[in-house]
Every structure is written in C-alpha cells, then in structure tokens.
C-alpha cells in the first residue's frame, strides 16, 4: 500500500511516515509512506493508494480531493499527529480502505 502524506512543507510529516511504516511492519503490512509539501502534491498523487493531509492544512482537503480523483483522502487525526502516533494513523488508513 502506498500512502501519501501532504503538509505545508513536507518536513513534519516525514517523521510521521516513519512511525506509520514502523506500525505497519509490526502488523506485517507492506506499506510505503511518503511525505510531500502541498506544492509537490501533483507530482506524487498518482502513486498513492491513500492520501492523508496534515492537520495544519486541513482547509485544503477539497483541493486535495479534487486532485486525488477516486482515492480516499482524509486529514490526519490531530491528536495522533501531535503525539506522532503511527499506530493510530495506521488504523485511520485501514479504515479508509
């Protein structure tokens, strides 16, 4: 499964990618997570199976959904993001599938 995380600069979500991949590995799920800045979204959105938006740019959800077509798009749970809780975000991803 390919998961794209989008935030304003792509930096803070890079850490979340590692946490999600670690949680997925513990569950035996093959998952690759990549973080990009909003400005680079169109370069990677075709690769993704699931798209998550950082809570700091949740106001951009409609724009991301329009670019993603029929792919599931949600904002990352704010508490999970703040705590860098990869397991909780992985549960969110599984719920989106």
Protein backbone atom coordinates (compact mmCIF):
# COMPACT_ATOMS: atom_id res chain seq x y z
CA UNK A 1 0.00 0.00 0.00
CA UNK A 2 1.30 3.46 -0.89
CA UNK A 3 0.37 6.29 1.45
CA UNK A 4 0.98 9.94 0.59
CA UNK A 5 1.11 12.47 3.42
CA UNK A 6 0.77 16.11 2.43
CA UNK A 7 1.64 19.06 4.64
CA UNK A 8 2.63 22.67 4.17
CA UNK A 9 6.37 21.98 3.86
CA UNK A 10 6.67 18.17 3.91
CA UNK A 11 9.06 18.17 6.88
CA UNK A 12 6.91 17.33 9.91
CA UNK A 13 5.06 14.56 8.09
CA UNK A 14 8.36 12.84 7.22
CA UNK A 15 8.60 11.76 10.87
CA UNK A 16 5.01 10.55 10.78
CA UNK A 17 5.83 8.44 7.71
CA UNK A 18 8.47 6.57 9.69
CA UNK A 19 6.04 5.98 12.57
CA UNK A 20 3.34 4.67 10.22
CA UNK A 21 5.77 2.37 8.42
CA UNK A 22 7.01 1.04 11.78
CA UNK A 23 3.46 0.34 12.96
CA UNK A 24 2.65 -1.38 9.65
CA UNK A 25 5.79 -3.54 9.87
CA UNK A 26 4.76 -4.69 13.36
CA UNK A 27 1.43 -5.83 11.92
CA UNK A 28 3.03 -7.47 8.88
CA UNK A 29 1.51 -4.93 6.48
CA UNK A 30 3.52 -3.94 3.44
CA UNK A 31 3.25 -0.16 3.35
CA UNK A 32 5.31 2.72 1.99
CA UNK A 33 4.60 6.23 3.25
CA UNK A 34 5.97 9.36 1.60
CA UNK A 35 5.64 12.98 2.69
CA UNK A 36 5.46 15.91 0.30
CA UNK A 37 4.77 19.60 0.51
CA UNK A 38 1.43 20.81 -0.84
CA UNK A 39 3.29 22.43 -3.75
CA UNK A 40 4.58 18.99 -4.84
CA UNK A 41 1.29 17.10 -4.40
CA UNK A 42 0.57 16.66 -8.10
CA UNK A 43 3.95 15.01 -8.67
CA UNK A 44 3.15 12.11 -6.30
CA UNK A 45 -0.63 11.79 -6.06
CA UNK A 46 -0.83 9.26 -8.91
CA UNK A 47 1.48 6.91 -6.97
CA UNK A 48 -0.68 6.88 -3.83
CA UNK A 49 -3.40 4.44 -2.82
CA UNK A 50 -4.40 6.63 0.14
CA UNK A 51 -3.80 10.34 0.74
CA UNK A 52 -3.57 11.99 4.15
CA UNK A 53 -3.40 15.72 4.77
CA UNK A 54 -1.61 17.21 7.76
CA UNK A 55 -3.98 18.81 10.27
CA UNK A 56 -2.33 22.20 9.79
CA UNK A 57 -3.61 22.32 6.18
CA UNK A 58 -6.93 20.52 6.58
CA UNK A 59 -8.54 23.58 4.96
CA UNK A 60 -7.00 22.30 1.69
CA UNK A 61 -8.94 19.00 1.76
CA UNK A 62 -11.25 19.95 -1.11
CA UNK A 63 -8.29 20.83 -3.35
CA UNK A 64 -6.53 17.56 -2.48
CA UNK A 65 -9.70 15.52 -3.05
CA UNK A 66 -10.13 17.13 -6.47
CA UNK A 67 -6.56 16.19 -7.41
CA UNK A 68 -6.86 12.66 -5.97
CA UNK A 69 -9.89 11.63 -8.00
CA UNK A 70 -11.40 8.44 -6.54
CA UNK A 71 -8.60 7.83 -4.00
CA UNK A 72 -9.53 8.10 -0.33
CA UNK A 73 -8.43 11.42 1.21
CA UNK A 74 -8.69 12.47 4.86
CA UNK A 75 -6.99 14.81 7.29
CA UNK A 76 -4.72 13.11 9.79
CA UNK A 77 -6.29 12.94 13.24
CA UNK A 78 -4.93 15.98 15.10
CA UNK A 79 -4.18 14.15 18.36
CA UNK A 80 -2.48 11.27 16.56
CA UNK A 81 -0.39 13.75 14.59
CA UNK A 82 0.60 15.75 17.65
CA UNK A 83 1.60 12.59 19.53
CA UNK A 84 3.28 11.11 16.40
CA UNK A 85 1.15 8.00 17.00
CA UNK A 86 1.85 5.87 13.93
CA UNK A 87 -0.40 3.05 15.14
CA UNK A 88 -3.42 5.34 15.40
CA UNK A 89 -2.79 6.82 11.95
CA UNK A 90 -2.37 3.29 10.56
CA UNK A 91 -5.81 2.43 11.98
CA UNK A 92 -7.17 5.52 10.24
CA UNK A 93 -5.58 4.39 6.95
CA UNK A 94 -7.05 0.87 7.28
CA UNK A 95 -10.46 2.44 7.90
CA UNK A 96 -10.13 4.43 4.68
CA UNK A 97 -9.59 1.31 2.55
